[in-house]
Amino acid sequence: MSAVRLRRLAADFARLDDYVRRHPRLRMVQTHGDPSERYQIEYQIRSVRMVAGEVHETRTHLVEITLPLHYPRLPPQCRMLTPVFHPNIAPHAICIGDHWTAGESLQSIVMRIGEMLAYQSYNVKSPLNGEAAHWVEKNRDRLPLDRVSMLVEEDPVRASAESTPAESAPPRPATGADSAASRAKALHVRCPHCDKAYRVSAEYSGRRFRCTGCQQAFQVD
C-alpha cells in the first residue's frame, strides 16, 4: 500500500471516528484493516422498511462503507446491512450522488446517508427502488420522517485552538493540493436562530441543515 493511501486512510479514520463519537445518533460498530478500509456504522434514525407488502417504522440501521483499491479517485461503496425502504437505496447499494471528488470526506458520506434514512433527502426521478419512489409521491406530507440534524456541536477547546491566528507569511500561488485542503478545511458556524455553534467541513458551504438545539433550518455560509 502506498504511503499516500496510508496517510489518507489514517486521516479519514481519525476525522470519522471523532465525528461519530460526537453525534448522539451514530455508533461505530466495527472497522476492518489498519488503517481502516471498511466501516460498519449504526444509525438511530426514524425511517421505514417494507414487511410483507406493508410499510413499517424502523429506527435502527446498519450501514457498511468500503473504500475500494483506487479510493479516493473512486468513491466509497456503500450498502445497507439492514432493510430500509427508500427510493435511492437498494439491497446492494446506496446512491450517494453522482459528483464524487477526491477531496470529499467520509464524514460527508455518513451525513448524507443519515439525511436519506430520515427522508430529508431523496430523488424520485431516477430511483433504485421504484416502489419506494411511488410511496414518497403519495406521502410527501409525512416527510421528513425524522428531523434529526447530522451536524455535531462545536468543540469549544478545538475551536479556540484552530482559530488562533498564525504568523503572517507571504502569499503563494494556489495549487491542486491547496484546493483539496481548502475543501477539507473546517468552517465554524452558528445557528442564526439560537446561536448554537457547529464545526463542519468547508464542502458543506451553501447547504442547509437543521439545528439540533432549536430544530430550525439554516444555510451554512
N, C-alpha and C. Protein backbone atom coordinates (compact mmCIF):
# COMPACT_ATOMS: atom_id res chain seq x y z
N MET A 1 0.85 -1.19 0.00
CA MET A 1 0.00 0.00 0.00
C MET A 1 0.89 1.24 0.00
N SER A 2 0.56 2.22 -0.85
CA SER A 2 1.39 3.41 -0.98
C SER A 2 1.30 4.27 0.28
N ALA A 3 2.35 5.08 0.49
CA ALA A 3 2.37 5.97 1.64
C ALA A 3 1.24 7.01 1.55
N VAL A 4 0.93 7.43 0.33
CA VAL A 4 -0.14 8.42 0.14
C VAL A 4 -1.49 7.83 0.59
N ARG A 5 -1.75 6.58 0.17
CA ARG A 5 -3.00 5.94 0.56
C ARG A 5 -3.05 5.71 2.07
N LEU A 6 -1.94 5.30 2.66
CA LEU A 6 -1.90 5.09 4.10
C LEU A 6 -2.24 6.36 4.86
N ARG A 7 -1.66 7.47 4.43
CA ARG A 7 -1.93 8.75 5.10
C ARG A 7 -3.40 9.14 4.96
N ARG A 8 -3.95 8.95 3.75
CA ARG A 8 -5.35 9.31 3.53
C ARG A 8 -6.27 8.45 4.40
N LEU A 9 -6.03 7.15 4.44
CA LEU A 9 -6.89 6.27 5.23
C LEU A 9 -6.80 6.59 6.72
N ALA A 10 -5.60 6.89 7.19
CA ALA A 10 -5.42 7.22 8.61
C ALA A 10 -6.14 8.52 8.94
N ALA A 11 -6.03 9.52 8.05
CA ALA A 11 -6.72 10.80 8.29
C ALA A 11 -8.23 10.62 8.23
N ASP A 12 -8.72 9.81 7.29
CA ASP A 12 -10.16 9.53 7.19
C ASP A 12 -10.68 8.93 8.49
N PHE A 13 -9.95 7.93 9.01
CA PHE A 13 -10.40 7.27 10.23
C PHE A 13 -10.46 8.25 11.40
N ALA A 14 -9.42 9.07 11.55
CA ALA A 14 -9.38 10.00 12.68
C ALA A 14 -10.55 10.96 12.64
N ARG A 15 -10.84 11.54 11.46
CA ARG A 15 -11.93 12.51 11.35
C ARG A 15 -13.29 11.85 11.54
N LEU A 16 -13.46 10.66 10.92
CA LEU A 16 -14.76 9.98 11.02
C LEU A 16 -15.00 9.48 12.44
N ASP A 17 -13.99 8.94 13.07
CA ASP A 17 -14.13 8.46 14.45
C ASP A 17 -14.52 9.60 15.38
N ASP A 18 -13.90 10.76 15.20
CA ASP A 18 -14.23 11.93 16.02
C ASP A 18 -15.68 12.37 15.80
N TYR A 19 -16.10 12.38 14.53
CA TYR A 19 -17.48 12.79 14.21
C TYR A 19 -18.50 11.82 14.80
N VAL A 20 -18.28 10.52 14.61
CA VAL A 20 -19.24 9.53 15.10
C VAL A 20 -19.32 9.57 16.63
N ARG A 21 -18.21 9.73 17.29
CA ARG A 21 -18.21 9.79 18.76
C ARG A 21 -19.03 10.97 19.28
N ARG A 22 -19.04 12.07 18.52
CA ARG A 22 -19.72 13.27 18.99
C ARG A 22 -21.17 13.37 18.53
N HIS A 23 -21.61 12.45 17.65
CA HIS A 23 -23.00 12.50 17.20
C HIS A 23 -23.83 11.50 18.00
N PRO A 24 -24.90 11.95 18.67
CA PRO A 24 -25.66 11.06 19.57
C PRO A 24 -26.43 9.96 18.86
N ARG A 25 -26.62 10.06 17.56
CA ARG A 25 -27.39 9.05 16.83
C ARG A 25 -26.52 8.06 16.05
N LEU A 26 -25.21 8.13 16.22
CA LEU A 26 -24.29 7.27 15.46
C LEU A 26 -23.42 6.43 16.40
N ARG A 27 -23.03 5.25 15.89
CA ARG A 27 -22.11 4.38 16.65
C ARG A 27 -21.25 3.60 15.66
N MET A 28 -19.94 3.61 15.91
CA MET A 28 -19.02 2.81 15.09
C MET A 28 -19.09 1.38 15.60
N VAL A 29 -19.67 0.48 14.83
CA VAL A 29 -19.84 -0.90 15.26
C VAL A 29 -18.53 -1.66 15.12
N GLN A 30 -17.90 -1.56 13.95
CA GLN A 30 -16.60 -2.20 13.76
C GLN A 30 -15.90 -1.63 12.54
N THR A 31 -14.60 -1.82 12.49
CA THR A 31 -13.79 -1.41 11.34
C THR A 31 -12.91 -2.59 10.94
N HIS A 32 -12.44 -2.57 9.70
CA HIS A 32 -11.58 -3.64 9.19
C HIS A 32 -10.36 -3.00 8.53
N GLY A 33 -9.19 -3.50 8.87
CA GLY A 33 -7.96 -3.01 8.28
C GLY A 33 -7.22 -2.07 9.22
N ASP A 34 -5.93 -1.91 8.97
CA ASP A 34 -5.11 -0.99 9.75
C ASP A 34 -4.15 -0.28 8.80
N PRO A 35 -4.50 0.94 8.37
CA PRO A 35 -5.68 1.72 8.74
C PRO A 35 -6.96 1.17 8.11
N SER A 36 -8.08 1.63 8.61
CA SER A 36 -9.38 1.08 8.23
C SER A 36 -9.71 1.32 6.77
N GLU A 37 -10.19 0.25 6.12
CA GLU A 37 -10.67 0.33 4.74
C GLU A 37 -12.14 -0.05 4.63
N ARG A 38 -12.73 -0.51 5.74
CA ARG A 38 -14.15 -0.84 5.75
C ARG A 38 -14.73 -0.51 7.13
N TYR A 39 -15.90 0.12 7.10
CA TYR A 39 -16.56 0.56 8.33
C TYR A 39 -17.99 0.01 8.38
N GLN A 40 -18.44 -0.30 9.58
CA GLN A 40 -19.85 -0.58 9.83
C GLN A 40 -20.33 0.43 10.87
N ILE A 41 -21.35 1.21 10.48
CA ILE A 41 -21.85 2.30 11.32
C ILE A 41 -23.33 2.10 11.58
N GLU A 42 -23.69 2.26 12.85
CA GLU A 42 -25.10 2.14 13.24
C GLU A 42 -25.72 3.53 13.35
N TYR A 43 -26.90 3.67 12.76
CA TYR A 43 -27.69 4.91 12.83
C TYR A 43 -28.94 4.66 13.69
N GLN A 44 -29.26 5.59 14.57
CA GLN A 44 -30.53 5.56 15.30
C GLN A 44 -31.39 6.70 14.74
N ILE A 45 -32.11 6.41 13.65
CA ILE A 45 -32.88 7.42 12.93
C ILE A 45 -34.22 6.82 12.52
N ARG A 46 -35.26 7.58 12.68
CA ARG A 46 -36.59 7.09 12.30
C ARG A 46 -36.70 7.02 10.78
N SER A 47 -37.04 5.81 10.28
CA SER A 47 -37.22 5.60 8.85
C SER A 47 -38.29 4.52 8.67
N VAL A 48 -38.33 3.90 7.49
CA VAL A 48 -39.33 2.86 7.23
C VAL A 48 -38.70 1.70 6.47
N ARG A 49 -39.34 0.53 6.56
CA ARG A 49 -38.96 -0.64 5.78
C ARG A 49 -40.23 -1.33 5.31
N MET A 50 -40.10 -2.18 4.33
CA MET A 50 -41.24 -2.92 3.78
C MET A 50 -41.24 -4.34 4.36
N VAL A 51 -42.37 -4.70 4.98
CA VAL A 51 -42.53 -6.04 5.56
C VAL A 51 -43.85 -6.62 5.07
N ALA A 52 -43.77 -7.71 4.33
CA ALA A 52 -44.96 -8.41 3.84
C ALA A 52 -45.91 -7.46 3.11
N GLY A 53 -45.34 -6.59 2.30
CA GLY A 53 -46.15 -5.68 1.49
C GLY A 53 -46.66 -4.45 2.21
N GLU A 54 -46.25 -4.26 3.47
CA GLU A 54 -46.70 -3.09 4.23
C GLU A 54 -45.49 -2.31 4.75
N VAL A 55 -45.65 -0.99 4.83
CA VAL A 55 -44.57 -0.12 5.30
C VAL A 55 -44.64 0.00 6.82
N HIS A 56 -43.50 -0.29 7.48
CA HIS A 56 -43.42 -0.24 8.94
C HIS A 56 -42.28 0.67 9.36
N GLU A 57 -42.45 1.33 10.50
CA GLU A 57 -41.41 2.20 11.02
C GLU A 57 -40.24 1.37 11.55
N THR A 58 -39.02 1.89 11.36
CA THR A 58 -37.82 1.27 11.91
C THR A 58 -36.88 2.38 12.36
N ARG A 59 -36.09 2.12 13.38
CA ARG A 59 -35.25 3.17 13.96
C ARG A 59 -33.76 2.82 14.02
N THR A 60 -33.41 1.57 13.83
CA THR A 60 -32.00 1.17 13.90
C THR A 60 -31.55 0.65 12.55
N HIS A 61 -30.41 1.17 12.08
CA HIS A 61 -29.92 0.83 10.74
C HIS A 61 -28.42 0.57 10.81
N LEU A 62 -27.96 -0.40 10.05
CA LEU A 62 -26.53 -0.71 9.98
C LEU A 62 -26.06 -0.52 8.54
N VAL A 63 -25.05 0.32 8.37
CA VAL A 63 -24.51 0.67 7.05
C VAL A 63 -23.05 0.23 6.96
N GLU A 64 -22.68 -0.32 5.82
CA GLU A 64 -21.28 -0.68 5.57
C GLU A 64 -20.70 0.24 4.51
N ILE A 65 -19.54 0.80 4.78
CA ILE A 65 -18.83 1.67 3.84
C ILE A 65 -17.47 1.05 3.56
N THR A 66 -17.22 0.73 2.29
CA THR A 66 -15.97 0.10 1.88
C THR A 66 -15.20 1.04 0.96
N LEU A 67 -13.91 1.19 1.21
CA LEU A 67 -13.06 2.06 0.40
C LEU A 67 -12.32 1.19 -0.62
N PRO A 68 -12.64 1.34 -1.91
CA PRO A 68 -12.03 0.48 -2.94
C PRO A 68 -10.54 0.76 -3.11
N LEU A 69 -9.89 -0.10 -3.89
CA LEU A 69 -8.44 -0.01 -4.07
C LEU A 69 -8.00 1.35 -4.58
N HIS A 70 -8.78 1.95 -5.49
CA HIS A 70 -8.39 3.22 -6.09
C HIS A 70 -9.08 4.42 -5.42
N TYR A 71 -9.60 4.23 -4.23
CA TYR A 71 -10.09 5.35 -3.42
C TYR A 71 -8.89 6.23 -3.05
N PRO A 72 -8.97 7.57 -3.07
CA PRO A 72 -10.18 8.38 -3.22
C PRO A 72 -10.51 8.79 -4.66
N ARG A 73 -9.77 8.27 -5.64
CA ARG A 73 -10.15 8.59 -7.02
C ARG A 73 -11.52 8.00 -7.34
N LEU A 74 -11.82 6.83 -6.76
CA LEU A 74 -13.14 6.22 -6.88
C LEU A 74 -13.90 6.43 -5.57
N PRO A 75 -15.22 6.58 -5.63
CA PRO A 75 -15.99 6.85 -4.42
C PRO A 75 -16.11 5.63 -3.53
N PRO A 76 -16.43 5.82 -2.25
CA PRO A 76 -16.70 4.68 -1.37
C PRO A 76 -17.89 3.87 -1.88
N GLN A 77 -17.87 2.58 -1.56
CA GLN A 77 -19.01 1.70 -1.89
C GLN A 77 -19.84 1.54 -0.62
N CYS A 78 -21.11 1.91 -0.69
CA CYS A 78 -21.97 1.93 0.49
C CYS A 78 -23.15 0.99 0.30
N ARG A 79 -23.47 0.23 1.33
CA ARG A 79 -24.65 -0.64 1.26
C ARG A 79 -25.26 -0.80 2.64
N MET A 80 -26.56 -1.08 2.66
CA MET A 80 -27.29 -1.32 3.90
C MET A 80 -27.09 -2.78 4.32
N LEU A 81 -26.88 -3.00 5.61
CA LEU A 81 -26.84 -4.34 6.16
C LEU A 81 -28.16 -4.68 6.85
N THR A 82 -29.04 -3.69 6.97
CA THR A 82 -30.39 -3.88 7.49
C THR A 82 -31.37 -3.30 6.46
N PRO A 83 -32.58 -3.84 6.35
CA PRO A 83 -33.51 -3.38 5.32
C PRO A 83 -34.05 -1.99 5.58
N VAL A 84 -34.20 -1.21 4.52
CA VAL A 84 -34.83 0.10 4.60
C VAL A 84 -35.56 0.35 3.28
N PHE A 85 -36.62 1.13 3.33
CA PHE A 85 -37.48 1.40 2.17
C PHE A 85 -37.26 2.85 1.74
N HIS A 86 -36.46 3.04 0.68
CA HIS A 86 -36.08 4.39 0.25
C HIS A 86 -35.86 4.37 -1.27
N PRO A 87 -36.27 5.42 -1.97
CA PRO A 87 -36.13 5.43 -3.44
C PRO A 87 -34.70 5.25 -3.93
N ASN A 88 -33.72 5.68 -3.15
CA ASN A 88 -32.34 5.68 -3.62
C ASN A 88 -31.45 4.68 -2.89
N ILE A 89 -32.09 3.69 -2.26
CA ILE A 89 -31.35 2.64 -1.57
C ILE A 89 -31.87 1.29 -2.03
N ALA A 90 -30.95 0.45 -2.52
CA ALA A 90 -31.27 -0.92 -2.91
C ALA A 90 -30.49 -1.86 -1.99
N PRO A 91 -30.82 -3.15 -1.96
CA PRO A 91 -30.08 -4.07 -1.08
C PRO A 91 -28.58 -4.07 -1.33
N HIS A 92 -28.17 -3.81 -2.58
CA HIS A 92 -26.75 -3.91 -2.91
C HIS A 92 -26.02 -2.57 -2.89
N ALA A 93 -26.74 -1.45 -2.82
CA ALA A 93 -26.07 -0.16 -2.96
C ALA A 93 -26.91 0.98 -2.39
N ILE A 94 -26.20 2.04 -1.97
CA ILE A 94 -26.82 3.30 -1.58
C ILE A 94 -26.34 4.35 -2.57
N CYS A 95 -27.26 5.03 -3.23
CA CYS A 95 -26.88 6.04 -4.21
C CYS A 95 -26.48 7.32 -3.48
N ILE A 96 -25.17 7.54 -3.34
CA ILE A 96 -24.68 8.68 -2.57
C ILE A 96 -24.47 9.92 -3.43
N GLY A 97 -24.82 9.85 -4.72
CA GLY A 97 -24.68 11.02 -5.59
C GLY A 97 -23.72 10.75 -6.74
N ASP A 98 -23.82 11.59 -7.74
CA ASP A 98 -23.04 11.38 -8.97
C ASP A 98 -21.78 12.23 -9.05
N HIS A 99 -21.55 13.09 -8.08
CA HIS A 99 -20.45 14.06 -8.21
C HIS A 99 -19.44 13.88 -7.09
N TRP A 100 -18.76 12.75 -7.08
CA TRP A 100 -17.73 12.49 -6.09
C TRP A 100 -16.42 13.16 -6.50
N THR A 101 -15.72 13.77 -5.53
CA THR A 101 -14.39 14.32 -5.77
C THR A 101 -13.44 13.75 -4.72
N ALA A 102 -12.17 13.66 -5.06
CA ALA A 102 -11.19 13.06 -4.15
C ALA A 102 -11.07 13.84 -2.85
N GLY A 103 -11.44 15.12 -2.86
CA GLY A 103 -11.34 15.93 -1.65
C GLY A 103 -12.51 15.76 -0.70
N GLU A 104 -13.54 15.01 -1.09
CA GLU A 104 -14.71 14.85 -0.23
C GLU A 104 -14.37 13.92 0.94
N SER A 105 -14.97 14.18 2.08
CA SER A 105 -14.66 13.42 3.28
C SER A 105 -15.64 12.27 3.49
N LEU A 106 -15.19 11.25 4.25
CA LEU A 106 -16.10 10.17 4.63
C LEU A 106 -17.23 10.70 5.51
N GLN A 107 -16.93 11.70 6.31
CA GLN A 107 -17.97 12.30 7.15
C GLN A 107 -19.14 12.79 6.31
N SER A 108 -18.84 13.38 5.15
CA SER A 108 -19.91 13.88 4.30
C SER A 108 -20.81 12.76 3.80
N ILE A 109 -20.21 11.58 3.54
CA ILE A 109 -20.99 10.42 3.10
C ILE A 109 -21.88 9.93 4.23
N VAL A 110 -21.32 9.85 5.43
CA VAL A 110 -22.09 9.40 6.60
C VAL A 110 -23.25 10.35 6.88
N MET A 111 -23.01 11.64 6.76
CA MET A 111 -24.07 12.63 6.95
C MET A 111 -25.16 12.47 5.89
N ARG A 112 -24.74 12.29 4.63
CA ARG A 112 -25.68 12.17 3.53
C ARG A 112 -26.59 10.94 3.70
N ILE A 113 -26.00 9.83 4.13
CA ILE A 113 -26.80 8.62 4.35
C ILE A 113 -27.80 8.84 5.48
N GLY A 114 -27.39 9.54 6.53
CA GLY A 114 -28.31 9.85 7.61
C GLY A 114 -29.49 10.68 7.14
N GLU A 115 -29.22 11.67 6.30
CA GLU A 115 -30.30 12.50 5.75
C GLU A 115 -31.23 11.68 4.88
N MET A 116 -30.68 10.70 4.16
CA MET A 116 -31.52 9.83 3.33
C MET A 116 -32.41 8.95 4.20
N LEU A 117 -31.84 8.34 5.24
CA LEU A 117 -32.63 7.48 6.12
C LEU A 117 -33.77 8.26 6.76
N ALA A 118 -33.52 9.52 7.10
CA ALA A 118 -34.54 10.36 7.72
C ALA A 118 -35.55 10.90 6.72
N TYR A 119 -35.34 10.63 5.44
CA TYR A 119 -36.16 11.16 4.35
C TYR A 119 -36.09 12.69 4.29
N GLN A 120 -34.95 13.24 4.68
CA GLN A 120 -34.68 14.65 4.42
C GLN A 120 -34.12 14.81 3.01
N SER A 121 -33.64 13.70 2.45
CA SER A 121 -33.04 13.70 1.11
C SER A 121 -33.53 12.48 0.34
N TYR A 122 -34.02 12.72 -0.88
CA TYR A 122 -34.44 11.62 -1.76
C TYR A 122 -34.59 12.15 -3.17
N ASN A 123 -34.51 11.25 -4.14
CA ASN A 123 -34.67 11.61 -5.54
C ASN A 123 -35.58 10.57 -6.20
N VAL A 124 -36.77 11.00 -6.60
CA VAL A 124 -37.72 10.08 -7.21
C VAL A 124 -37.63 10.07 -8.73
N LYS A 125 -36.72 10.88 -9.31
CA LYS A 125 -36.61 10.95 -10.77
C LYS A 125 -35.85 9.76 -11.35
N SER A 126 -34.82 9.29 -10.63
CA SER A 126 -34.06 8.13 -11.10
C SER A 126 -33.83 7.19 -9.91
N PRO A 127 -34.87 6.54 -9.45
CA PRO A 127 -34.77 5.74 -8.21
C PRO A 127 -34.13 4.37 -8.43
N LEU A 128 -33.54 3.86 -7.35
CA LEU A 128 -33.10 2.47 -7.32
C LEU A 128 -34.27 1.57 -6.92
N ASN A 129 -35.23 2.14 -6.20
CA ASN A 129 -36.40 1.40 -5.75
C ASN A 129 -37.65 2.15 -6.21
N GLY A 130 -38.25 1.70 -7.32
CA GLY A 130 -39.41 2.38 -7.88
C GLY A 130 -40.62 2.34 -6.96
N GLU A 131 -40.80 1.26 -6.22
CA GLU A 131 -41.94 1.17 -5.31
C GLU A 131 -41.82 2.21 -4.20
N ALA A 132 -40.61 2.40 -3.69
CA ALA A 132 -40.40 3.41 -2.65
C ALA A 132 -40.63 4.81 -3.21
N ALA A 133 -40.21 5.04 -4.46
CA ALA A 133 -40.43 6.35 -5.08
C ALA A 133 -41.93 6.63 -5.19
N HIS A 134 -42.70 5.63 -5.55
CA HIS A 134 -44.16 5.79 -5.64
C HIS A 134 -44.75 6.09 -4.26
N TRP A 135 -44.24 5.43 -3.22
CA TRP A 135 -44.71 5.68 -1.86
C TRP A 135 -44.43 7.12 -1.44
N VAL A 136 -43.25 7.62 -1.80
CA VAL A 136 -42.90 9.01 -1.48
C VAL A 136 -43.88 9.97 -2.12
N GLU A 137 -44.20 9.75 -3.39
CA GLU A 137 -45.12 10.64 -4.10
C GLU A 137 -46.47 10.73 -3.39
N LYS A 138 -46.89 9.64 -2.76
CA LYS A 138 -48.19 9.61 -2.09
C LYS A 138 -48.13 10.07 -0.64
N ASN A 139 -46.92 10.24 -0.08
CA ASN A 139 -46.79 10.54 1.34
C ASN A 139 -45.87 11.72 1.64
N ARG A 140 -45.80 12.66 0.71
CA ARG A 140 -44.90 13.80 0.92
C ARG A 140 -45.26 14.61 2.17
N ASP A 141 -46.52 14.58 2.56
CA ASP A 141 -46.93 15.34 3.74
C ASP A 141 -46.37 14.74 5.03
N ARG A 142 -45.87 13.51 4.98
CA ARG A 142 -45.30 12.84 6.16
C ARG A 142 -43.79 13.06 6.27
N LEU A 143 -43.20 13.64 5.26
CA LEU A 143 -41.75 13.75 5.22
C LEU A 143 -41.26 15.12 5.68
N PRO A 144 -40.08 15.18 6.32
CA PRO A 144 -39.19 14.06 6.64
C PRO A 144 -39.74 13.22 7.79
N LEU A 145 -39.33 11.99 7.85
CA LEU A 145 -39.77 11.10 8.91
C LEU A 145 -39.06 11.40 10.23
N ASP A 146 -37.85 11.95 10.15
CA ASP A 146 -37.07 12.31 11.34
C ASP A 146 -36.40 13.65 11.05
N ARG A 147 -36.50 14.58 11.99
CA ARG A 147 -35.90 15.90 11.81
C ARG A 147 -34.50 15.98 12.43
N VAL A 148 -33.87 14.83 12.59
CA VAL A 148 -32.53 14.79 13.16
C VAL A 148 -31.57 15.66 12.35
N SER A 149 -30.67 16.35 13.04
CA SER A 149 -29.61 17.08 12.35
C SER A 149 -28.36 16.21 12.34
N MET A 150 -27.73 16.11 11.20
CA MET A 150 -26.49 15.34 11.10
C MET A 150 -25.26 16.18 11.44
N LEU A 151 -25.47 17.43 11.82
CA LEU A 151 -24.37 18.25 12.32
C LEU A 151 -24.01 17.82 13.73
N VAL A 152 -22.80 18.13 14.16
CA VAL A 152 -22.41 17.93 15.56
C VAL A 152 -22.02 19.29 16.13
N GLU A 153 -22.18 19.42 17.44
CA GLU A 153 -21.88 20.69 18.08
C GLU A 153 -20.38 20.96 18.07
N GLU A 154 -20.07 22.25 18.08
CA GLU A 154 -18.67 22.68 18.09
C GLU A 154 -17.99 22.25 19.38
N ASP A 155 -16.74 21.88 19.27
CA ASP A 155 -15.90 21.61 20.43
C ASP A 155 -15.21 22.93 20.79
N PRO A 156 -15.58 23.58 21.91
CA PRO A 156 -15.03 24.92 22.23
C PRO A 156 -13.52 24.94 22.33
N VAL A 157 -12.90 23.89 22.91
CA VAL A 157 -11.45 23.87 23.06
C VAL A 157 -10.78 23.80 21.70
N ARG A 158 -11.29 22.93 20.83
CA ARG A 158 -10.72 22.79 19.50
C ARG A 158 -10.92 24.07 18.69
N ALA A 159 -12.09 24.67 18.80
CA ALA A 159 -12.37 25.89 18.06
C ALA A 159 -11.40 26.99 18.45
N SER A 160 -11.13 27.08 19.75
CA SER A 160 -10.21 28.11 20.23
C SER A 160 -8.82 27.89 19.69
N ALA A 161 -8.38 26.62 19.68
CA ALA A 161 -7.04 26.32 19.19
C ALA A 161 -6.92 26.57 17.70
N GLU A 162 -7.97 26.18 16.95
CA GLU A 162 -7.91 26.31 15.50
C GLU A 162 -8.09 27.74 15.03
N SER A 163 -8.70 28.58 15.87
CA SER A 163 -8.94 29.96 15.45
C SER A 163 -7.80 30.88 15.85
N THR A 164 -6.76 30.35 16.55
CA THR A 164 -5.62 31.18 16.91
C THR A 164 -4.89 31.61 15.66
N PRO A 165 -4.71 32.92 15.43
CA PRO A 165 -4.09 33.36 14.18
C PRO A 165 -2.64 32.93 14.09
N ALA A 166 -2.26 32.48 12.90
CA ALA A 166 -0.87 32.09 12.66
C ALA A 166 -0.06 33.32 12.30
N GLU A 167 1.27 33.19 12.38
CA GLU A 167 2.13 34.29 11.98
C GLU A 167 1.93 34.57 10.50
N SER A 168 1.97 35.85 10.14
CA SER A 168 1.75 36.21 8.75
C SER A 168 2.89 35.68 7.90
N ALA A 169 2.54 35.27 6.69
CA ALA A 169 3.54 34.75 5.75
C ALA A 169 3.19 35.25 4.37
N PRO A 170 4.17 35.35 3.49
CA PRO A 170 3.88 35.83 2.13
C PRO A 170 2.93 34.89 1.43
N PRO A 171 2.00 35.43 0.65
CA PRO A 171 1.07 34.57 -0.09
C PRO A 171 1.81 33.77 -1.14
N ARG A 172 1.28 32.58 -1.45
CA ARG A 172 1.88 31.77 -2.51
C ARG A 172 0.79 31.32 -3.46
N PRO A 173 1.13 30.99 -4.68
CA PRO A 173 0.11 30.60 -5.66
C PRO A 173 -0.63 29.35 -5.21
N ALA A 174 -1.93 29.29 -5.52
CA ALA A 174 -2.74 28.12 -5.17
C ALA A 174 -2.39 26.95 -6.08
N THR A 175 -2.40 25.74 -5.52
CA THR A 175 -2.12 24.53 -6.28
C THR A 175 -3.29 23.58 -6.15
N GLY A 176 -3.22 22.47 -6.87
CA GLY A 176 -4.27 21.47 -6.74
C GLY A 176 -4.38 20.94 -5.33
N ALA A 177 -3.21 20.77 -4.66
CA ALA A 177 -3.23 20.30 -3.27
C ALA A 177 -3.90 21.33 -2.37
N ASP A 178 -3.64 22.64 -2.65
CA ASP A 178 -4.29 23.69 -1.87
C ASP A 178 -5.79 23.60 -2.01
N SER A 179 -6.28 23.33 -3.21
CA SER A 179 -7.72 23.27 -3.44
C SER A 179 -8.34 22.13 -2.65
N ALA A 180 -7.69 20.97 -2.63
CA ALA A 180 -8.21 19.83 -1.87
C ALA A 180 -8.21 20.14 -0.39
N ALA A 181 -7.13 20.79 0.10
CA ALA A 181 -7.07 21.14 1.52
C ALA A 181 -8.15 22.13 1.88
N SER A 182 -8.42 23.08 0.96
CA SER A 182 -9.46 24.07 1.21
C SER A 182 -10.82 23.43 1.37
N ARG A 183 -11.11 22.40 0.54
CA ARG A 183 -12.40 21.72 0.63
C ARG A 183 -12.56 21.01 1.97
N ALA A 184 -11.42 20.49 2.51
CA ALA A 184 -11.48 19.73 3.75
C ALA A 184 -11.42 20.64 4.98
N LYS A 185 -11.11 21.92 4.79
CA LYS A 185 -10.97 22.86 5.90
C LYS A 185 -12.28 23.02 6.66
N ALA A 186 -12.16 23.16 7.96
CA ALA A 186 -13.36 23.26 8.79
C ALA A 186 -13.93 24.67 8.78
N LEU A 187 -15.25 24.75 8.81
CA LEU A 187 -15.96 26.01 8.97
C LEU A 187 -16.55 26.04 10.39
N HIS A 188 -16.46 27.18 11.03
CA HIS A 188 -17.08 27.35 12.34
C HIS A 188 -18.33 28.22 12.13
N VAL A 189 -19.49 27.62 12.31
CA VAL A 189 -20.74 28.32 12.02
C VAL A 189 -21.64 28.30 13.25
N ARG A 190 -22.58 29.24 13.29
CA ARG A 190 -23.55 29.33 14.38
C ARG A 190 -24.96 29.38 13.83
N CYS A 191 -25.87 28.73 14.52
CA CYS A 191 -27.27 28.79 14.14
C CYS A 191 -27.75 30.22 14.31
N PRO A 192 -28.33 30.83 13.28
CA PRO A 192 -28.79 32.22 13.38
C PRO A 192 -30.01 32.37 14.29
N HIS A 193 -30.64 31.25 14.66
CA HIS A 193 -31.85 31.32 15.48
C HIS A 193 -31.56 31.21 16.98
N CYS A 194 -30.61 30.32 17.36
CA CYS A 194 -30.34 30.13 18.79
C CYS A 194 -28.87 30.28 19.14
N ASP A 195 -28.02 30.52 18.15
CA ASP A 195 -26.59 30.78 18.35
C ASP A 195 -25.79 29.54 18.74
N LYS A 196 -26.32 28.34 18.56
CA LYS A 196 -25.54 27.14 18.84
C LYS A 196 -24.43 27.01 17.81
N ALA A 197 -23.23 26.61 18.28
CA ALA A 197 -22.05 26.57 17.40
C ALA A 197 -21.83 25.16 16.85
N TYR A 198 -21.35 25.11 15.58
CA TYR A 198 -21.04 23.85 14.93
C TYR A 198 -19.72 23.98 14.19
N ARG A 199 -19.09 22.82 13.96
CA ARG A 199 -17.88 22.76 13.15
C ARG A 199 -18.15 21.79 12.02
N VAL A 200 -18.08 22.27 10.76
CA VAL A 200 -18.38 21.43 9.61
C VAL A 200 -17.30 21.62 8.55
N SER A 201 -17.19 20.66 7.65
CA SER A 201 -16.24 20.76 6.57
C SER A 201 -16.68 21.86 5.59
N ALA A 202 -15.70 22.51 4.97
CA ALA A 202 -15.99 23.60 4.03
C ALA A 202 -16.78 23.13 2.83
N GLU A 203 -16.78 21.82 2.56
CA GLU A 203 -17.52 21.30 1.41
C GLU A 203 -19.04 21.46 1.59
N TYR A 204 -19.47 21.78 2.83
CA TYR A 204 -20.91 21.94 3.09
C TYR A 204 -21.38 23.37 2.90
N SER A 205 -20.50 24.26 2.52
CA SER A 205 -20.89 25.65 2.31
C SER A 205 -22.01 25.73 1.27
N GLY A 206 -23.07 26.45 1.62
CA GLY A 206 -24.20 26.60 0.73
C GLY A 206 -25.32 25.60 0.98
N ARG A 207 -25.07 24.56 1.81
CA ARG A 207 -26.11 23.57 2.09
C ARG A 207 -26.91 23.98 3.33
N ARG A 208 -28.12 23.43 3.42
CA ARG A 208 -28.99 23.72 4.55
C ARG A 208 -28.98 22.55 5.53
N PHE A 209 -28.98 22.88 6.83
CA PHE A 209 -29.01 21.88 7.88
C PHE A 209 -30.02 22.30 8.93
N ARG A 210 -30.40 21.34 9.77
CA ARG A 210 -31.33 21.62 10.86
C ARG A 210 -30.56 21.66 12.17
N CYS A 211 -30.75 22.69 12.95
CA CYS A 211 -30.06 22.86 14.23
C CYS A 211 -30.56 21.80 15.22
N THR A 212 -29.64 21.20 15.96
CA THR A 212 -30.03 20.21 16.97
C THR A 212 -30.66 20.86 18.19
N GLY A 213 -30.43 22.17 18.37
CA GLY A 213 -30.95 22.86 19.55
C GLY A 213 -32.38 23.35 19.38
N CYS A 214 -32.59 24.21 18.36
CA CYS A 214 -33.91 24.83 18.18
C CYS A 214 -34.72 24.18 17.06
N GLN A 215 -34.10 23.22 16.33
CA GLN A 215 -34.76 22.48 15.24
C GLN A 215 -35.09 23.37 14.03
N GLN A 216 -34.51 24.57 13.97
CA GLN A 216 -34.72 25.44 12.82
C GLN A 216 -33.67 25.14 11.75
N ALA A 217 -34.05 25.24 10.49
CA ALA A 217 -33.14 25.01 9.39
C ALA A 217 -32.38 26.30 9.08
N PHE A 218 -31.10 26.14 8.69
CA PHE A 218 -30.31 27.31 8.29
C PHE A 218 -29.28 26.89 7.27
N GLN A 219 -28.77 27.87 6.53
CA GLN A 219 -27.79 27.60 5.47
C GLN A 219 -26.39 27.87 5.99
N VAL A 220 -25.46 26.96 5.68
CA VAL A 220 -24.06 27.14 6.03
C VAL A 220 -23.42 28.07 5.00
N ASP A 221 -22.88 29.17 5.45
CA ASP A 221 -22.23 30.16 4.56
C ASP A 221 -20.73 30.13 4.73
